[in-house]
Amino acid sequence: MYQIEVVLSALYQIYFYMVIVYILMSWLPNARESFIGEWLGKLVEPYLSPFRRFIPPLFGVLDISPIVALIVLQLALSGLISILRYFAY
């Protein structure tokens, strides 16, 4: 079971950094139109879009939905690992 936890944690870290890079790319002009920006958008945007629908930007410009999305992702990982540990031990 430990191997599954390690794999899940590694996948979480990879996706976490993908979201962070995608968010930072929004600050650079035309960065999201590059090959990497489009690729990250295809992988990250389906996860972020439900949060953007329910959480409006603050003051019209500050989008906090990715922060909430990352917190939910961390909670889901913790819950999944807890469930795995419960059934494994």
C-alpha atoms as a PDB file:
ATOM      1  CA  MET A   1       0.000   0.000   0.000  1.00  0.00           C
ATOM      2  CA  TYR A   2       2.887   2.338   0.634  1.00  0.00           C
ATOM      3  CA  GLN A   3       3.748   2.285  -3.071  1.00  0.00           C
ATOM      4  CA  ILE A   4       0.243   3.448  -3.955  1.00  0.00           C
ATOM      5  CA  GLU A   5       0.579   6.343  -1.535  1.00  0.00           C
ATOM      6  CA  VAL A   6       3.896   7.331  -3.080  1.00  0.00           C
ATOM      7  CA  VAL A   7       2.446   7.207  -6.605  1.00  0.00           C
ATOM      8  CA  LEU A   8      -0.626   9.233  -5.589  1.00  0.00           C
ATOM      9  CA  SER A   9       1.546  11.821  -3.856  1.00  0.00           C
ATOM     10  CA  ALA A  10       3.817  12.093  -6.882  1.00  0.00           C
ATOM     11  CA  LEU A  11       0.851  12.531  -9.223  1.00  0.00           C
ATOM     12  CA  TYR A  12      -0.558  15.178  -6.913  1.00  0.00           C
ATOM     13  CA  GLN A  13       2.754  17.074  -6.882  1.00  0.00           C
ATOM     14  CA  ILE A  14       2.996  16.974 -10.672  1.00  0.00           C
ATOM     15  CA  TYR A  15      -0.552  18.247 -11.128  1.00  0.00           C
ATOM     16  CA  PHE A  16      -0.052  20.878  -8.407  1.00  0.00           C
ATOM     17  CA  TYR A  17       2.950  22.321 -10.229  1.00  0.00           C
ATOM     18  CA  MET A  18       1.120  22.154 -13.550  1.00  0.00           C
ATOM     19  CA  VAL A  19      -1.657  24.324 -12.075  1.00  0.00           C
ATOM     20  CA  ILE A  20       0.871  26.744 -10.564  1.00  0.00           C
ATOM     21  CA  VAL A  21       2.723  27.116 -13.880  1.00  0.00           C
ATOM     22  CA  TYR A  22      -0.569  27.593 -15.723  1.00  0.00           C
ATOM     23  CA  ILE A  23      -1.582  30.329 -13.291  1.00  0.00           C
ATOM     24  CA  LEU A  24       1.787  32.074 -13.600  1.00  0.00           C
ATOM     25  CA  MET A  25       1.526  31.909 -17.388  1.00  0.00           C
ATOM     26  CA  SER A  26      -1.521  34.163 -17.187  1.00  0.00           C
ATOM     27  CA  TRP A  27       0.757  36.985 -16.068  1.00  0.00           C
ATOM     28  CA  LEU A  28       2.945  36.731 -19.166  1.00  0.00           C
ATOM     29  CA  PRO A  29       1.614  38.052 -22.462  1.00  0.00           C
ATOM     30  CA  ASN A  30       0.890  35.335 -25.039  1.00  0.00           C
ATOM     31  CA  ALA A  31       2.326  32.588 -22.834  1.00  0.00           C
ATOM     32  CA  ARG A  32      -0.895  30.592 -22.883  1.00  0.00           C
ATOM     33  CA  GLU A  33      -0.914  30.637 -26.679  1.00  0.00           C
ATOM     34  CA  SER A  34       2.390  28.751 -26.818  1.00  0.00           C
ATOM     35  CA  PHE A  35       2.569  24.979 -27.219  1.00  0.00           C
ATOM     36  CA  ILE A  36       3.184  24.428 -23.503  1.00  0.00           C
ATOM     37  CA  GLY A  37       0.443  26.886 -22.557  1.00  0.00           C
ATOM     38  CA  GLU A  38      -2.108  25.144 -24.746  1.00  0.00           C
ATOM     39  CA  TRP A  39      -1.029  21.720 -23.487  1.00  0.00           C
ATOM     40  CA  LEU A  40      -1.293  22.822 -19.859  1.00  0.00           C
ATOM     41  CA  GLY A  41      -4.652  24.417 -20.606  1.00  0.00           C
ATOM     42  CA  LYS A  42      -6.029  21.124 -21.927  1.00  0.00           C
ATOM     43  CA  LEU A  43      -4.917  19.327 -18.766  1.00  0.00           C
ATOM     44  CA  VAL A  44      -5.666  21.945 -16.116  1.00  0.00           C
ATOM     45  CA  GLU A  45      -8.651  23.918 -17.381  1.00  0.00           C
ATOM     46  CA  PRO A  46     -11.208  21.059 -17.100  1.00  0.00           C
ATOM     47  CA  TYR A  47     -10.426  20.856 -13.379  1.00  0.00           C
ATOM     48  CA  LEU A  48     -10.391  24.626 -12.803  1.00  0.00           C
ATOM     49  CA  SER A  49     -13.515  25.543 -14.791  1.00  0.00           C
ATOM     50  CA  PRO A  50     -16.088  24.244 -12.254  1.00  0.00           C
ATOM     51  CA  PHE A  51     -14.425  26.320  -9.543  1.00  0.00           C
ATOM     52  CA  ARG A  52     -14.419  29.404 -11.775  1.00  0.00           C
ATOM     53  CA  ARG A  53     -18.149  28.995 -12.351  1.00  0.00           C
ATOM     54  CA  PHE A  54     -18.955  29.114  -8.635  1.00  0.00           C
ATOM     55  CA  ILE A  55     -16.267  31.474  -7.326  1.00  0.00           C
ATOM     56  CA  PRO A  56     -16.384  34.916  -8.933  1.00  0.00           C
ATOM     57  CA  PRO A  57     -13.180  36.964  -9.188  1.00  0.00           C
ATOM     58  CA  LEU A  58     -12.569  39.357  -6.317  1.00  0.00           C
ATOM     59  CA  PHE A  59     -12.779  43.030  -7.312  1.00  0.00           C
ATOM     60  CA  GLY A  60     -13.295  41.862 -10.890  1.00  0.00           C
ATOM     61  CA  VAL A  61      -9.658  40.879 -11.431  1.00  0.00           C
ATOM     62  CA  LEU A  62      -8.332  38.610  -8.676  1.00  0.00           C
ATOM     63  CA  ASP A  63      -9.210  34.990  -9.420  1.00  0.00           C
ATOM     64  CA  ILE A  64      -8.938  32.897  -6.249  1.00  0.00           C
ATOM     65  CA  SER A  65     -10.588  29.808  -7.717  1.00  0.00           C
ATOM     66  CA  PRO A  66      -7.245  28.053  -8.434  1.00  0.00           C
ATOM     67  CA  ILE A  67      -6.311  28.376  -4.755  1.00  0.00           C
ATOM     68  CA  VAL A  68      -9.592  26.775  -3.732  1.00  0.00           C
ATOM     69  CA  ALA A  69      -9.137  24.103  -6.415  1.00  0.00           C
ATOM     70  CA  LEU A  70      -5.687  23.211  -5.075  1.00  0.00           C
ATOM     71  CA  ILE A  71      -6.993  23.031  -1.514  1.00  0.00           C
ATOM     72  CA  VAL A  72      -9.805  20.705  -2.639  1.00  0.00           C
ATOM     73  CA  LEU A  73      -7.269  18.581  -4.527  1.00  0.00           C
ATOM     74  CA  GLN A  74      -5.108  18.308  -1.390  1.00  0.00           C
ATOM     75  CA  LEU A  75      -8.136  17.344   0.711  1.00  0.00           C
ATOM     76  CA  ALA A  76      -9.130  14.708  -1.851  1.00  0.00           C
ATOM     77  CA  LEU A  77      -5.622  13.250  -1.777  1.00  0.00           C
ATOM     78  CA  SER A  78      -5.615  13.163   2.030  1.00  0.00           C
ATOM     79  CA  GLY A  79      -9.019  11.493   2.083  1.00  0.00           C
ATOM     80  CA  LEU A  80      -7.999   8.912  -0.501  1.00  0.00           C
ATOM     81  CA  ILE A  81      -4.817   8.056   1.397  1.00  0.00           C
ATOM     82  CA  SER A  82      -6.814   7.773   4.635  1.00  0.00           C
ATOM     83  CA  ILE A  83      -9.245   5.373   2.975  1.00  0.00           C
ATOM     84  CA  LEU A  84      -6.373   3.306   1.576  1.00  0.00           C
ATOM     85  CA  ARG A  85      -4.735   3.129   4.991  1.00  0.00           C
ATOM     86  CA  TYR A  86      -8.020   2.125   6.616  1.00  0.00           C
ATOM     87  CA  PHE A  87      -8.505  -0.828   4.289  1.00  0.00           C
ATOM     88  CA  ALA A  88      -4.839  -1.824   4.212  1.00  0.00           C
ATOM     89  CA  TYR A  89      -4.146  -2.072   7.930  1.00  0.00           C
END
